[in-house]
C-alpha atoms as a PDB file:
ATOM      1  CA  UNK A   1     -55.514 -27.615 -12.503  1.00  0.00           C
ATOM      2  CA  UNK A   2     -57.318 -24.280 -12.288  1.00  0.00           C
ATOM      3  CA  UNK A   3     -56.423 -24.027  -8.591  1.00  0.00           C
ATOM      4  CA  UNK A   4     -52.749 -24.686  -9.368  1.00  0.00           C
ATOM      5  CA  UNK A   5     -52.766 -22.021 -12.067  1.00  0.00           C
ATOM      6  CA  UNK A   6     -54.385 -19.593  -9.651  1.00  0.00           C
ATOM      7  CA  UNK A   7     -51.731 -20.306  -6.999  1.00  0.00           C
ATOM      8  CA  UNK A   8     -48.936 -19.737  -9.507  1.00  0.00           C
ATOM      9  CA  UNK A   9     -50.554 -16.469 -10.599  1.00  0.00           C
ATOM     10  CA  UNK A  10     -50.935 -15.300  -7.007  1.00  0.00           C
ATOM     11  CA  UNK A  11     -47.321 -16.257  -6.233  1.00  0.00           C
ATOM     12  CA  UNK A  12     -46.069 -14.373  -9.304  1.00  0.00           C
ATOM     13  CA  UNK A  13     -48.122 -11.310  -8.379  1.00  0.00           C
ATOM     14  CA  UNK A  14     -46.792 -11.365  -4.802  1.00  0.00           C
ATOM     15  CA  UNK A  15     -43.227 -11.794  -6.027  1.00  0.00           C
ATOM     16  CA  UNK A  16     -43.539  -8.885  -8.482  1.00  0.00           C
ATOM     17  CA  UNK A  17     -45.068  -6.736  -5.734  1.00  0.00           C
ATOM     18  CA  UNK A  18     -42.068  -7.483  -3.489  1.00  0.00           C
ATOM     19  CA  UNK A  19     -39.690  -6.631  -6.323  1.00  0.00           C
ATOM     20  CA  UNK A  20     -41.440  -3.306  -6.897  1.00  0.00           C
ATOM     21  CA  UNK A  21     -41.324  -2.491  -3.179  1.00  0.00           C
ATOM     22  CA  UNK A  22     -37.626  -3.317  -3.047  1.00  0.00           C
ATOM     23  CA  UNK A  23     -36.887  -1.163  -6.087  1.00  0.00           C
ATOM     24  CA  UNK A  24     -38.889   1.698  -4.605  1.00  0.00           C
ATOM     25  CA  UNK A  25     -36.971   1.461  -1.307  1.00  0.00           C
ATOM     26  CA  UNK A  26     -33.659   1.354  -3.161  1.00  0.00           C
ATOM     27  CA  UNK A  27     -34.699   4.412  -5.144  1.00  0.00           C
ATOM     28  CA  UNK A  28     -35.670   6.297  -1.982  1.00  0.00           C
ATOM     29  CA  UNK A  29     -32.376   5.392  -0.315  1.00  0.00           C
ATOM     30  CA  UNK A  30     -30.452   6.524  -3.404  1.00  0.00           C
ATOM     31  CA  UNK A  31     -32.293   9.854  -3.468  1.00  0.00           C
ATOM     32  CA  UNK A  32     -31.626  10.396   0.249  1.00  0.00           C
ATOM     33  CA  UNK A  33     -27.957   9.524  -0.231  1.00  0.00           C
ATOM     34  CA  UNK A  34     -27.587  11.963  -3.135  1.00  0.00           C
ATOM     35  CA  UNK A  35     -29.393  14.687  -1.166  1.00  0.00           C
ATOM     36  CA  UNK A  36     -27.084  14.177   1.810  1.00  0.00           C
ATOM     37  CA  UNK A  37     -24.006  14.263  -0.423  1.00  0.00           C
ATOM     38  CA  UNK A  38     -25.130  17.474  -2.153  1.00  0.00           C
ATOM     39  CA  UNK A  39     -26.084  19.191   1.109  1.00  0.00           C
ATOM     40  CA  UNK A  40     -22.843  18.081   2.747  1.00  0.00           C
ATOM     41  CA  UNK A  41     -20.820  19.440  -0.152  1.00  0.00           C
ATOM     42  CA  UNK A  42     -22.697  22.760  -0.058  1.00  0.00           C
ATOM     43  CA  UNK A  43     -22.128  23.099   3.704  1.00  0.00           C
ATOM     44  CA  UNK A  44     -18.428  22.286   3.314  1.00  0.00           C
ATOM     45  CA  UNK A  45     -18.123  24.794   0.457  1.00  0.00           C
ATOM     46  CA  UNK A  46     -19.780  27.477   2.587  1.00  0.00           C
ATOM     47  CA  UNK A  47     -17.462  26.698   5.495  1.00  0.00           C
ATOM     48  CA  UNK A  48     -14.596  27.117   3.048  1.00  0.00           C
ATOM     49  CA  UNK A  49     -15.842  30.634   2.228  1.00  0.00           C
ATOM     50  CA  UNK A  50     -17.326  29.325  -1.011  1.00  0.00           C
ATOM     51  CA  UNK A  51     -13.914  29.084  -2.604  1.00  0.00           C
ATOM     52  CA  UNK A  52     -14.035  25.570  -4.031  1.00  0.00           C
ATOM     53  CA  UNK A  53     -15.301  26.445  -7.489  1.00  0.00           C
ATOM     54  CA  UNK A  54     -13.260  29.651  -7.605  1.00  0.00           C
ATOM     55  CA  UNK A  55     -10.044  27.764  -6.903  1.00  0.00           C
ATOM     56  CA  UNK A  56     -10.802  24.640  -8.919  1.00  0.00           C
ATOM     57  CA  UNK A  57      -8.831  25.850 -11.933  1.00  0.00           C
ATOM     58  CA  UNK A  58      -5.703  26.037  -9.732  1.00  0.00           C
ATOM     59  CA  UNK A  59      -5.953  22.398  -8.666  1.00  0.00           C
ATOM     60  CA  UNK A  60      -2.858  21.311 -10.567  1.00  0.00           C
ATOM     61  CA  UNK A  61      -0.747  24.410  -9.937  1.00  0.00           C
ATOM     62  CA  UNK A  62       1.009  22.933  -6.920  1.00  0.00           C
ATOM     63  CA  UNK A  63       1.885  19.566  -8.557  1.00  0.00           C
ATOM     64  CA  UNK A  64       3.241  21.467 -11.570  1.00  0.00           C
ATOM     65  CA  UNK A  65       5.381  23.619  -9.304  1.00  0.00           C
ATOM     66  CA  UNK A  66       6.735  20.588  -7.448  1.00  0.00           C
ATOM     67  CA  UNK A  67       7.511  18.663 -10.638  1.00  0.00           C
ATOM     68  CA  UNK A  68       9.025  21.697 -12.314  1.00  0.00           C
ATOM     69  CA  UNK A  69      11.434  22.291  -9.429  1.00  0.00           C
ATOM     70  CA  UNK A  70      12.259  18.584  -9.094  1.00  0.00           C
ATOM     71  CA  UNK A  71      12.994  18.196 -12.809  1.00  0.00           C
ATOM     72  CA  UNK A  72      15.501  21.019 -12.528  1.00  0.00           C
ATOM     73  CA  UNK A  73      17.357  19.106  -9.784  1.00  0.00           C
ATOM     74  CA  UNK A  74      17.267  15.548 -11.117  1.00  0.00           C
ATOM     75  CA  UNK A  75      20.969  15.113 -10.424  1.00  0.00           C
ATOM     76  CA  UNK A  76      20.260  15.523  -6.690  1.00  0.00           C
ATOM     77  CA  UNK A  77      17.508  12.883  -6.516  1.00  0.00           C
ATOM     78  CA  UNK A  78      19.808   9.852  -5.829  1.00  0.00           C
ATOM     79  CA  UNK A  79      21.328  11.722  -2.890  1.00  0.00           C
ATOM     80  CA  UNK A  80      17.845  12.468  -1.546  1.00  0.00           C
ATOM     81  CA  UNK A  81      16.894   8.801  -1.804  1.00  0.00           C
ATOM     82  CA  UNK A  82      19.931   7.820   0.251  1.00  0.00           C
ATOM     83  CA  UNK A  83      19.323  10.638   2.721  1.00  0.00           C
ATOM     84  CA  UNK A  84      15.698   9.697   3.426  1.00  0.00           C
ATOM     85  CA  UNK A  85      16.181   5.929   3.388  1.00  0.00           C
ATOM     86  CA  UNK A  86      16.739   5.713   7.195  1.00  0.00           C
ATOM     87  CA  UNK A  87      13.445   7.552   7.757  1.00  0.00           C
ATOM     88  CA  UNK A  88      11.697   5.132   5.419  1.00  0.00           C
ATOM     89  CA  UNK A  89      13.162   2.187   7.329  1.00  0.00           C
ATOM     90  CA  UNK A  90      11.925   3.768  10.561  1.00  0.00           C
ATOM     91  CA  UNK A  91       8.422   4.022   9.081  1.00  0.00           C
ATOM     92  CA  UNK A  92       8.507   0.363   8.029  1.00  0.00           C
ATOM     93  CA  UNK A  93       9.761  -0.624  11.486  1.00  0.00           C
ATOM     94  CA  UNK A  94       6.914   1.290  13.132  1.00  0.00           C
ATOM     95  CA  UNK A  95       4.403  -0.459  10.885  1.00  0.00           C
ATOM     96  CA  UNK A  96       5.968  -3.893  11.434  1.00  0.00           C
ATOM     97  CA  UNK A  97       6.199  -3.599  15.221  1.00  0.00           C
ATOM     98  CA  UNK A  98       2.691  -2.211  15.574  1.00  0.00           C
ATOM     99  CA  UNK A  99       1.284  -4.930  13.297  1.00  0.00           C
ATOM    100  CA  UNK A 100       2.986  -7.659  15.302  1.00  0.00           C
ATOM    101  CA  UNK A 101       1.879  -6.297  18.676  1.00  0.00           C
ATOM    102  CA  UNK A 102      -1.636  -5.583  17.431  1.00  0.00           C
ATOM    103  CA  UNK A 103      -1.964  -9.043  15.857  1.00  0.00           C
ATOM    104  CA  UNK A 104      -0.869 -10.800  19.051  1.00  0.00           C
ATOM    105  CA  UNK A 105      -3.395  -8.839  21.095  1.00  0.00           C
ATOM    106  CA  UNK A 106      -6.047  -9.431  18.415  1.00  0.00           C
ATOM    107  CA  UNK A 107      -5.540 -13.209  18.631  1.00  0.00           C
ATOM    108  CA  UNK A 108      -6.229 -13.188  22.359  1.00  0.00           C
ATOM    109  CA  UNK A 109      -9.246 -10.883  22.043  1.00  0.00           C
ATOM    110  CA  UNK A 110     -10.696 -12.879  19.145  1.00  0.00           C
ATOM    111  CA  UNK A 111     -10.431 -16.177  21.020  1.00  0.00           C
ATOM    112  CA  UNK A 112     -12.030 -14.627  24.101  1.00  0.00           C
ATOM    113  CA  UNK A 113     -14.927 -13.286  22.011  1.00  0.00           C
ATOM    114  CA  UNK A 114     -15.752 -16.402  19.941  1.00  0.00           C
ATOM    115  CA  UNK A 115     -18.572 -18.676  21.031  1.00  0.00           C
ATOM    116  CA  UNK A 116     -17.407 -22.190  21.800  1.00  0.00           C
ATOM    117  CA  UNK A 117     -13.833 -21.037  22.406  1.00  0.00           C
ATOM    118  CA  UNK A 118     -14.111 -18.245  24.956  1.00  0.00           C
ATOM    119  CA  UNK A 119     -12.622 -18.929  28.360  1.00  0.00           C
ATOM    120  CA  UNK A 120     -15.348 -16.836  29.987  1.00  0.00           C
ATOM    121  CA  UNK A 121     -18.503 -17.155  27.841  1.00  0.00           C
ATOM    122  CA  UNK A 122     -20.375 -14.517  29.831  1.00  0.00           C
ATOM    123  CA  UNK A 123     -17.743 -11.916  28.904  1.00  0.00           C
ATOM    124  CA  UNK A 124     -17.951 -12.449  25.131  1.00  0.00           C
ATOM    125  CA  UNK A 125     -20.007  -9.287  24.670  1.00  0.00           C
ATOM    126  CA  UNK A 126     -17.582  -7.325  26.848  1.00  0.00           C
ATOM    127  CA  UNK A 127     -14.546  -8.295  24.763  1.00  0.00           C
ATOM    128  CA  UNK A 128     -16.418  -7.560  21.550  1.00  0.00           C
ATOM    129  CA  UNK A 129     -17.248  -4.065  22.769  1.00  0.00           C
ATOM    130  CA  UNK A 130     -13.583  -3.557  23.632  1.00  0.00           C
ATOM    131  CA  UNK A 131     -12.651  -4.400  20.034  1.00  0.00           C
ATOM    132  CA  UNK A 132     -15.356  -2.030  18.791  1.00  0.00           C
ATOM    133  CA  UNK A 133     -13.886   0.802  20.847  1.00  0.00           C
ATOM    134  CA  UNK A 134     -10.344   0.048  19.672  1.00  0.00           C
ATOM    135  CA  UNK A 135     -11.515  -0.076  16.083  1.00  0.00           C
ATOM    136  CA  UNK A 136     -13.539   3.129  16.332  1.00  0.00           C
ATOM    137  CA  UNK A 137     -10.693   5.311  17.641  1.00  0.00           C
ATOM    138  CA  UNK A 138      -8.635   6.774  14.761  1.00  0.00           C
ATOM    139  CA  UNK A 139      -4.878   6.304  14.970  1.00  0.00           C
ATOM    140  CA  UNK A 140      -4.213  10.014  14.610  1.00  0.00           C
ATOM    141  CA  UNK A 141      -6.369  10.879  17.641  1.00  0.00           C
ATOM    142  CA  UNK A 142      -4.595   8.296  19.801  1.00  0.00           C
ATOM    143  CA  UNK A 143      -1.212   9.476  18.514  1.00  0.00           C
ATOM    144  CA  UNK A 144      -1.980  13.124  19.303  1.00  0.00           C
ATOM    145  CA  UNK A 145      -2.918  12.234  22.879  1.00  0.00           C
ATOM    146  CA  UNK A 146       0.193  10.094  23.329  1.00  0.00           C
ATOM    147  CA  UNK A 147       2.457  12.739  21.802  1.00  0.00           C
ATOM    148  CA  UNK A 148       1.043  15.266  24.277  1.00  0.00           C
ATOM    149  CA  UNK A 149       1.833  12.863  27.151  1.00  0.00           C
ATOM    150  CA  UNK A 150       5.048  11.200  25.943  1.00  0.00           C
ATOM    151  CA  UNK A 151       6.451  13.690  23.452  1.00  0.00           C
ATOM    152  CA  UNK A 152       7.165  13.191  19.766  1.00  0.00           C
ATOM    153  CA  UNK A 153       8.805  10.096  18.328  1.00  0.00           C
ATOM    154  CA  UNK A 154       8.051   6.664  16.921  1.00  0.00           C
ATOM    155  CA  UNK A 155       6.778   5.124  20.189  1.00  0.00           C
ATOM    156  CA  UNK A 156       3.452   7.036  20.276  1.00  0.00           C
ATOM    157  CA  UNK A 157       2.871   6.132  16.635  1.00  0.00           C
ATOM    158  CA  UNK A 158       3.593   2.465  17.304  1.00  0.00           C
ATOM    159  CA  UNK A 159       1.218   2.340  20.281  1.00  0.00           C
ATOM    160  CA  UNK A 160      -1.536   4.193  18.391  1.00  0.00           C
ATOM    161  CA  UNK A 161      -1.345   1.942  15.329  1.00  0.00           C
ATOM    162  CA  UNK A 162      -1.076  -1.226  17.431  1.00  0.00           C
ATOM    163  CA  UNK A 163      -4.160  -0.200  19.433  1.00  0.00           C
ATOM    164  CA  UNK A 164      -6.245   0.316  16.299  1.00  0.00           C
ATOM    165  CA  UNK A 165      -4.791  -2.800  14.632  1.00  0.00           C
ATOM    166  CA  UNK A 166      -5.799  -4.982  17.570  1.00  0.00           C
ATOM    167  CA  UNK A 167      -9.431  -3.922  17.214  1.00  0.00           C
ATOM    168  CA  UNK A 168      -9.521  -4.277  13.435  1.00  0.00           C
ATOM    169  CA  UNK A 169      -7.727  -7.640  13.282  1.00  0.00           C
ATOM    170  CA  UNK A 170      -9.610  -8.921  16.328  1.00  0.00           C
ATOM    171  CA  UNK A 171     -12.875  -8.572  14.432  1.00  0.00           C
ATOM    172  CA  UNK A 172     -11.484 -10.398  11.388  1.00  0.00           C
ATOM    173  CA  UNK A 173      -9.832 -13.097  13.488  1.00  0.00           C
ATOM    174  CA  UNK A 174     -13.048 -13.774  15.401  1.00  0.00           C
ATOM    175  CA  UNK A 175     -14.886 -14.354  12.112  1.00  0.00           C
ATOM    176  CA  UNK A 176     -12.157 -16.800  11.086  1.00  0.00           C
ATOM    177  CA  UNK A 177     -12.459 -18.581  14.438  1.00  0.00           C
ATOM    178  CA  UNK A 178     -16.161 -19.161  13.908  1.00  0.00           C
ATOM    179  CA  UNK A 179     -15.374 -21.316  10.863  1.00  0.00           C
ATOM    180  CA  UNK A 180     -12.859 -23.487  12.724  1.00  0.00           C
ATOM    181  CA  UNK A 181     -13.790 -27.019  13.769  1.00  0.00           C
ATOM    182  CA  UNK A 182     -14.373 -27.517  17.500  1.00  0.00           C
ATOM    183  CA  UNK A 183     -13.666 -31.258  17.418  1.00  0.00           C
ATOM    184  CA  UNK A 184      -9.930 -30.866  18.217  1.00  0.00           C
ATOM    185  CA  UNK A 185     -10.838 -28.506  21.065  1.00  0.00           C
ATOM    186  CA  UNK A 186     -13.321 -31.000  22.485  1.00  0.00           C
ATOM    187  CA  UNK A 187     -10.787 -33.822  22.171  1.00  0.00           C
ATOM    188  CA  UNK A 188      -8.118 -31.836  24.021  1.00  0.00           C
ATOM    189  CA  UNK A 189     -10.621 -30.853  26.698  1.00  0.00           C
ATOM    190  CA  UNK A 190     -11.529 -34.499  27.251  1.00  0.00           C
ATOM    191  CA  UNK A 191      -7.911 -35.307  28.153  1.00  0.00           C
ATOM    192  CA  UNK A 192      -7.622 -32.395  30.595  1.00  0.00           C
ATOM    193  CA  UNK A 193      -5.891 -29.733  28.473  1.00  0.00           C
ATOM    194  CA  UNK A 194      -6.017 -26.155  29.730  1.00  0.00           C
ATOM    195  CA  UNK A 195      -7.726 -23.360  27.786  1.00  0.00           C
ATOM    196  CA  UNK A 196      -4.453 -22.020  26.401  1.00  0.00           C
ATOM    197  CA  UNK A 197      -3.393 -25.518  25.331  1.00  0.00           C
ATOM    198  CA  UNK A 198      -6.738 -26.095  23.606  1.00  0.00           C
ATOM    199  CA  UNK A 199      -6.442 -22.839  21.716  1.00  0.00           C
ATOM    200  CA  UNK A 200      -2.766 -23.288  20.811  1.00  0.00           C
ATOM    201  CA  UNK A 201      -3.039 -26.922  19.696  1.00  0.00           C
ATOM    202  CA  UNK A 202      -6.663 -27.168  18.554  1.00  0.00           C
ATOM    203  CA  UNK A 203      -7.534 -23.796  17.000  1.00  0.00           C
ATOM    204  CA  UNK A 204      -4.383 -21.915  15.970  1.00  0.00           C
ATOM    205  CA  UNK A 205      -3.163 -24.592  13.480  1.00  0.00           C
ATOM    206  CA  UNK A 206      -6.502 -24.362  11.661  1.00  0.00           C
ATOM    207  CA  UNK A 207      -6.671 -20.577  11.412  1.00  0.00           C
ATOM    208  CA  UNK A 208      -2.983 -19.587  11.235  1.00  0.00           C
ATOM    209  CA  UNK A 209      -2.893 -19.141   7.409  1.00  0.00           C
ATOM    210  CA  UNK A 210      -5.887 -16.807   7.517  1.00  0.00           C
ATOM    211  CA  UNK A 211      -4.433 -14.958  10.491  1.00  0.00           C
ATOM    212  CA  UNK A 212      -1.189 -14.417   8.607  1.00  0.00           C
ATOM    213  CA  UNK A 213      -3.006 -13.303   5.461  1.00  0.00           C
ATOM    214  CA  UNK A 214      -5.032 -10.677   7.315  1.00  0.00           C
ATOM    215  CA  UNK A 215      -1.937  -9.519   9.222  1.00  0.00           C
ATOM    216  CA  UNK A 216      -0.070  -8.952   5.951  1.00  0.00           C
ATOM    217  CA  UNK A 217      -2.975  -6.935   4.606  1.00  0.00           C
ATOM    218  CA  UNK A 218      -2.982  -4.872   7.781  1.00  0.00           C
ATOM    219  CA  UNK A 219       0.782  -4.345   7.491  1.00  0.00           C
ATOM    220  CA  UNK A 220       0.228  -2.567   4.162  1.00  0.00           C
ATOM    221  CA  UNK A 221      -2.358  -0.301   5.777  1.00  0.00           C
ATOM    222  CA  UNK A 222      -0.089   0.414   8.740  1.00  0.00           C
ATOM    223  CA  UNK A 223       2.750   1.584   6.493  1.00  0.00           C
ATOM    224  CA  UNK A 224       0.474   4.296   5.156  1.00  0.00           C
ATOM    225  CA  UNK A 225      -0.817   5.063   8.653  1.00  0.00           C
ATOM    226  CA  UNK A 226       2.703   5.427  10.081  1.00  0.00           C
ATOM    227  CA  UNK A 227       3.627   7.793   7.245  1.00  0.00           C
ATOM    228  CA  UNK A 228       0.537   9.916   7.934  1.00  0.00           C
ATOM    229  CA  UNK A 229       1.248  10.031  11.669  1.00  0.00           C
ATOM    230  CA  UNK A 230       4.635  11.515  10.876  1.00  0.00           C
ATOM    231  CA  UNK A 231       2.816  14.738  10.023  1.00  0.00           C
ATOM    232  CA  UNK A 232       1.839  15.152  13.694  1.00  0.00           C
ATOM    233  CA  UNK A 233       5.371  14.565  14.974  1.00  0.00           C
ATOM    234  CA  UNK A 234       5.419  10.778  15.279  1.00  0.00           C
ATOM    235  CA  UNK A 235       8.672  10.360  13.357  1.00  0.00           C
ATOM    236  CA  UNK A 236       9.423   8.392  10.237  1.00  0.00           C
ATOM    237  CA  UNK A 237       9.320   9.523   6.637  1.00  0.00           C
ATOM    238  CA  UNK A 238       6.066  11.399   7.199  1.00  0.00           C
ATOM    239  CA  UNK A 239       7.892  13.812   9.497  1.00  0.00           C
ATOM    240  CA  UNK A 240      10.525  14.429   6.810  1.00  0.00           C
ATOM    241  CA  UNK A 241       7.794  15.013   4.250  1.00  0.00           C
ATOM    242  CA  UNK A 242       6.125  17.533   6.521  1.00  0.00           C
ATOM    243  CA  UNK A 243       9.391  19.441   6.912  1.00  0.00           C
ATOM    244  CA  UNK A 244      10.058  19.420   3.187  1.00  0.00           C
ATOM    245  CA  UNK A 245       6.556  20.687   2.433  1.00  0.00           C
ATOM    246  CA  UNK A 246       6.762  23.346   5.155  1.00  0.00           C
ATOM    247  CA  UNK A 247       9.909  24.882   3.703  1.00  0.00           C
ATOM    248  CA  UNK A 248       8.110  25.393   0.396  1.00  0.00           C
ATOM    249  CA  UNK A 249      10.040  26.450  -2.675  1.00  0.00           C
ATOM    250  CA  UNK A 250      13.591  25.197  -2.757  1.00  0.00           C
ATOM    251  CA  UNK A 251      12.702  21.905  -1.016  1.00  0.00           C
ATOM    252  CA  UNK A 252      10.122  20.501  -3.423  1.00  0.00           C
ATOM    253  CA  UNK A 253      12.714  18.135  -4.902  1.00  0.00           C
ATOM    254  CA  UNK A 254      13.072  16.537  -1.465  1.00  0.00           C
ATOM    255  CA  UNK A 255       9.294  16.244  -1.149  1.00  0.00           C
ATOM    256  CA  UNK A 256       9.088  14.477  -4.517  1.00  0.00           C
ATOM    257  CA  UNK A 257      11.908  12.103  -3.534  1.00  0.00           C
ATOM    258  CA  UNK A 258       9.993  11.183  -0.365  1.00  0.00           C
ATOM    259  CA  UNK A 259       6.800  10.651  -2.371  1.00  0.00           C
ATOM    260  CA  UNK A 260       8.630   8.320  -4.758  1.00  0.00           C
ATOM    261  CA  UNK A 261      10.215   6.335  -1.907  1.00  0.00           C
ATOM    262  CA  UNK A 262       6.911   5.954  -0.099  1.00  0.00           C
ATOM    263  CA  UNK A 263       5.004   5.032  -3.249  1.00  0.00           C
ATOM    264  CA  UNK A 264       7.608   2.454  -4.287  1.00  0.00           C
ATOM    265  CA  UNK A 265       7.621   0.907  -0.804  1.00  0.00           C
ATOM    266  CA  UNK A 266       3.842   0.565  -0.683  1.00  0.00           C
ATOM    267  CA  UNK A 267       3.740  -0.973  -4.171  1.00  0.00           C
ATOM    268  CA  UNK A 268       6.518  -3.474  -3.369  1.00  0.00           C
ATOM    269  CA  UNK A 269       4.977  -4.495  -0.035  1.00  0.00           C
ATOM    270  CA  UNK A 270       1.562  -4.799  -1.672  1.00  0.00           C
ATOM    271  CA  UNK A 271       2.895  -7.070  -4.414  1.00  0.00           C
ATOM    272  CA  UNK A 272       4.906  -9.254  -2.031  1.00  0.00           C
ATOM    273  CA  UNK A 273       2.062  -9.638   0.440  1.00  0.00           C
ATOM    274  CA  UNK A 274      -0.368 -10.428  -2.393  1.00  0.00           C
ATOM    275  CA  UNK A 275       1.915 -13.243  -3.573  1.00  0.00           C
ATOM    276  CA  UNK A 276       2.249 -14.628  -0.045  1.00  0.00           C
ATOM    277  CA  UNK A 277      -1.505 -14.419   0.621  1.00  0.00           C
ATOM    278  CA  UNK A 278      -2.280 -16.144  -2.660  1.00  0.00           C
ATOM    279  CA  UNK A 279       0.117 -18.967  -1.874  1.00  0.00           C
ATOM    280  CA  UNK A 280      -1.318 -19.334   1.611  1.00  0.00           C
ATOM    281  CA  UNK A 281      -4.954 -19.490   0.504  1.00  0.00           C
ATOM    282  CA  UNK A 282      -4.533 -21.405  -2.745  1.00  0.00           C
ATOM    283  CA  UNK A 283      -1.905 -23.702  -1.299  1.00  0.00           C
ATOM    284  CA  UNK A 284      -4.178 -24.588   1.593  1.00  0.00           C
ATOM    285  CA  UNK A 285      -7.104 -25.181  -0.779  1.00  0.00           C
ATOM    286  CA  UNK A 286      -5.069 -27.400  -3.112  1.00  0.00           C
ATOM    287  CA  UNK A 287      -3.760 -29.475  -0.205  1.00  0.00           C
ATOM    288  CA  UNK A 288      -7.296 -29.914   1.101  1.00  0.00           C
ATOM    289  CA  UNK A 289      -8.501 -31.081  -2.319  1.00  0.00           C
ATOM    290  CA  UNK A 290      -5.603 -33.502  -2.627  1.00  0.00           C
ATOM    291  CA  UNK A 291      -6.401 -35.033   0.764  1.00  0.00           C
ATOM    292  CA  UNK A 292     -10.104 -35.262  -0.130  1.00  0.00           C
ATOM    293  CA  UNK A 293      -9.365 -36.985  -3.436  1.00  0.00           C
ATOM    294  CA  UNK A 294      -6.948 -39.422  -1.773  1.00  0.00           C
END
């Protein structure tokens, strides 16, 4: 009994020592993080000629000026909405096309980089590094290069967003693939099915709802990305917003109309995609439970 008590005491002491070490490490990491944030802010403020604190009181001057001018032209807002609607549709089309192309490429890359499913197992690391590179390159950098080569327009934006989307979705899709059952794949392989047939018939039906859910989430992100790329000449409503902001006073009502259109679109798409994703995930779970109970 004494030995058991001693073991429990030793175990408790060791556990408490580990807890203290973990708390100390967390505290050190927090201090380092705060120090880096403070030093980074000070460097950025110095690079900005130390004008952050001096100009902080004017933070809301520009929004007030925009709202004040827009409120004086409320009767023109409906016409602005109609005028900029084609540009908004172009932005949505860019996001939709790039999401579709990126998702299709991501499916192929994810299947080629998943153990147990890859057609060339030795190249799994290679395809994963490709997705890392695609994910690491910002859309705006790719778009700037493509605009320099191809000129302005929606095509460079679509290619840039699709390239980044393929890397981001490929990573998510590969994680989904790892949770899929390999029994259908093995059964199809035993009857002589090709790799594409095994993937299409044995894997895709299992993971399609999750694929679609992630693609919808990425579509929301791509709408914002396509609007941002418009500032560098990639077309869409972002380009119109850049022009309205560049003209300055006299065009702030147009800028506010574009902001409202973009905000409303993102909110609507977010709500619709959330409903669809919830039905996909919960519907699949409820069907699985019903089958299990039967």
